[in-house]
Amino acid sequence: MHIHPYDGSMAKQNTERHTPLRPLRIPDDEWEALGNAVGERNRTRLIREYIRWYLRWPDSPQPSRPPEQIGAPGITKKSDQQKQEESS
């Protein structure tokens, strides 16, 4: 029998001052594309906004999405989209 080493203790640390940590499994390419679209330090904010909207919590608007090309295959950064628009 294999027991996963994660025992939940990480999620219990610092809960008096901070939101508990929640481990998520997200493929690297999706995590990187999300960081490029919203900024490296805004992923958590966006995920929390989406959860509140999905649960239909009061005063939780649907999170906005980036322009259509951001995150599309071959376009990984906002600056890439700007360069593509300039060359058109």
C-alpha atoms as a PDB file:
ATOM      1  CA  MET A   1       0.000   0.000   0.000  1.00  0.00           C
ATOM      2  CA  HIS A   2       1.388   3.399  -1.021  1.00  0.00           C
ATOM      3  CA  ILE A   3       0.667   6.360   1.250  1.00  0.00           C
ATOM      4  CA  HIS A   4       0.995   9.781  -0.310  1.00  0.00           C
ATOM      5  CA  PRO A   5       3.490  11.911   1.674  1.00  0.00           C
ATOM      6  CA  TYR A   6       1.150  14.932   1.749  1.00  0.00           C
ATOM      7  CA  ASP A   7      -0.690  14.844   5.060  1.00  0.00           C
ATOM      8  CA  GLY A   8      -2.532  18.153   4.812  1.00  0.00           C
ATOM      9  CA  SER A   9      -0.238  19.911   7.259  1.00  0.00           C
ATOM     10  CA  MET A  10       0.725  22.548   4.663  1.00  0.00           C
ATOM     11  CA  ALA A  11      -2.913  23.630   4.437  1.00  0.00           C
ATOM     12  CA  LYS A  12      -3.048  24.081   8.221  1.00  0.00           C
ATOM     13  CA  GLN A  13      -0.056  26.422   8.522  1.00  0.00           C
ATOM     14  CA  ASN A  14      -0.586  30.141   9.128  1.00  0.00           C
ATOM     15  CA  THR A  15      -4.379  29.973   8.886  1.00  0.00           C
ATOM     16  CA  GLU A  16      -4.720  32.690  11.500  1.00  0.00           C
ATOM     17  CA  ARG A  17      -3.261  35.300   9.123  1.00  0.00           C
ATOM     18  CA  HIS A  18      -3.478  33.654   5.706  1.00  0.00           C
ATOM     19  CA  THR A  19      -5.783  31.565   3.583  1.00  0.00           C
ATOM     20  CA  PRO A  20      -4.781  27.887   3.797  1.00  0.00           C
ATOM     21  CA  LEU A  21      -2.672  26.510   0.948  1.00  0.00           C
ATOM     22  CA  ARG A  22      -4.492  24.196  -1.464  1.00  0.00           C
ATOM     23  CA  PRO A  23      -2.463  21.929  -3.706  1.00  0.00           C
ATOM     24  CA  LEU A  24      -3.662  21.964  -7.318  1.00  0.00           C
ATOM     25  CA  ARG A  25      -2.446  19.903 -10.243  1.00  0.00           C
ATOM     26  CA  ILE A  26      -2.198  22.105 -13.316  1.00  0.00           C
ATOM     27  CA  PRO A  27      -0.030  21.244 -16.337  1.00  0.00           C
ATOM     28  CA  ASP A  28       3.066  23.436 -16.689  1.00  0.00           C
ATOM     29  CA  ASP A  29       2.053  24.812 -20.087  1.00  0.00           C
ATOM     30  CA  GLU A  30      -1.343  25.943 -18.765  1.00  0.00           C
ATOM     31  CA  TRP A  31       0.190  27.459 -15.599  1.00  0.00           C
ATOM     32  CA  GLU A  32       2.772  29.359 -17.646  1.00  0.00           C
ATOM     33  CA  ALA A  33       0.174  30.598 -20.150  1.00  0.00           C
ATOM     34  CA  LEU A  34      -2.055  31.785 -17.287  1.00  0.00           C
ATOM     35  CA  GLY A  35       0.871  33.647 -15.718  1.00  0.00           C
ATOM     36  CA  ASN A  36       1.673  35.268 -19.049  1.00  0.00           C
ATOM     37  CA  ALA A  37      -1.951  36.316 -19.528  1.00  0.00           C
ATOM     38  CA  VAL A  38      -2.680  37.710 -16.051  1.00  0.00           C
ATOM     39  CA  GLY A  39       0.779  38.266 -14.565  1.00  0.00           C
ATOM     40  CA  GLU A  40       2.887  35.941 -12.473  1.00  0.00           C
ATOM     41  CA  ARG A  41       1.431  37.195  -9.190  1.00  0.00           C
ATOM     42  CA  ASN A  42      -2.234  37.332 -10.240  1.00  0.00           C
ATOM     43  CA  ARG A  43      -3.011  33.646 -10.855  1.00  0.00           C
ATOM     44  CA  THR A  44      -4.425  33.047  -7.366  1.00  0.00           C
ATOM     45  CA  ARG A  45      -6.606  36.158  -7.542  1.00  0.00           C
ATOM     46  CA  LEU A  46      -8.094  35.012 -10.846  1.00  0.00           C
ATOM     47  CA  ILE A  47      -8.705  31.456  -9.621  1.00  0.00           C
ATOM     48  CA  ARG A  48     -10.453  32.778  -6.501  1.00  0.00           C
ATOM     49  CA  GLU A  49     -12.595  35.161  -8.607  1.00  0.00           C
ATOM     50  CA  TYR A  50     -13.595  32.260 -10.847  1.00  0.00           C
ATOM     51  CA  ILE A  51     -14.543  30.064  -7.862  1.00  0.00           C
ATOM     52  CA  ARG A  52     -16.717  32.817  -6.346  1.00  0.00           C
ATOM     53  CA  TRP A  53     -18.415  33.423  -9.708  1.00  0.00           C
ATOM     54  CA  TYR A  54     -18.924  29.684 -10.335  1.00  0.00           C
ATOM     55  CA  LEU A  55     -20.530  29.261  -6.890  1.00  0.00           C
ATOM     56  CA  ARG A  56     -22.814  32.229  -7.658  1.00  0.00           C
ATOM     57  CA  TRP A  57     -21.786  34.141  -4.567  1.00  0.00           C
ATOM     58  CA  PRO A  58     -23.461  37.551  -4.303  1.00  0.00           C
ATOM     59  CA  ASP A  59     -21.607  40.429  -5.945  1.00  0.00           C
ATOM     60  CA  SER A  60     -19.235  38.070  -7.768  1.00  0.00           C
ATOM     61  CA  PRO A  61     -19.065  39.094 -11.424  1.00  0.00           C
ATOM     62  CA  GLN A  62     -17.759  36.727 -14.063  1.00  0.00           C
ATOM     63  CA  PRO A  63     -13.978  37.161 -14.333  1.00  0.00           C
ATOM     64  CA  SER A  64     -12.875  38.945 -17.463  1.00  0.00           C
ATOM     65  CA  ARG A  65     -10.881  37.091 -20.100  1.00  0.00           C
ATOM     66  CA  PRO A  66      -7.845  38.341 -22.003  1.00  0.00           C
ATOM     67  CA  PRO A  67      -7.990  39.173 -25.714  1.00  0.00           C
ATOM     68  CA  GLU A  68      -8.719  36.116 -27.832  1.00  0.00           C
ATOM     69  CA  GLN A  69      -5.138  35.491 -28.950  1.00  0.00           C
ATOM     70  CA  ILE A  70      -3.564  35.544 -25.469  1.00  0.00           C
ATOM     71  CA  GLY A  71      -2.983  31.958 -24.421  1.00  0.00           C
ATOM     72  CA  ALA A  72      -3.625  30.593 -27.893  1.00  0.00           C
ATOM     73  CA  PRO A  73      -0.996  28.181 -29.216  1.00  0.00           C
ATOM     74  CA  GLY A  74       2.073  30.089 -30.352  1.00  0.00           C
ATOM     75  CA  ILE A  75       1.208  33.265 -28.436  1.00  0.00           C
ATOM     76  CA  THR A  76       2.500  33.108 -24.889  1.00  0.00           C
ATOM     77  CA  LYS A  77       2.863  36.730 -23.805  1.00  0.00           C
ATOM     78  CA  LYS A  78       1.001  39.974 -24.177  1.00  0.00           C
ATOM     79  CA  SER A  79       4.003  41.423 -25.973  1.00  0.00           C
ATOM     80  CA  ASP A  80       3.766  38.599 -28.564  1.00  0.00           C
ATOM     81  CA  GLN A  81       0.198  39.639 -29.341  1.00  0.00           C
ATOM     82  CA  GLN A  82       1.221  43.273 -29.679  1.00  0.00           C
ATOM     83  CA  LYS A  83       4.015  42.313 -32.085  1.00  0.00           C
ATOM     84  CA  GLN A  84       1.555  40.224 -34.145  1.00  0.00           C
ATOM     85  CA  GLU A  85      -0.907  43.130 -34.355  1.00  0.00           C
ATOM     86  CA  GLU A  86       1.866  45.522 -35.420  1.00  0.00           C
ATOM     87  CA  SER A  87       2.980  43.232 -38.247  1.00  0.00           C
ATOM     88  CA  SER A  88      -0.577  42.869 -39.608  1.00  0.00           C
END
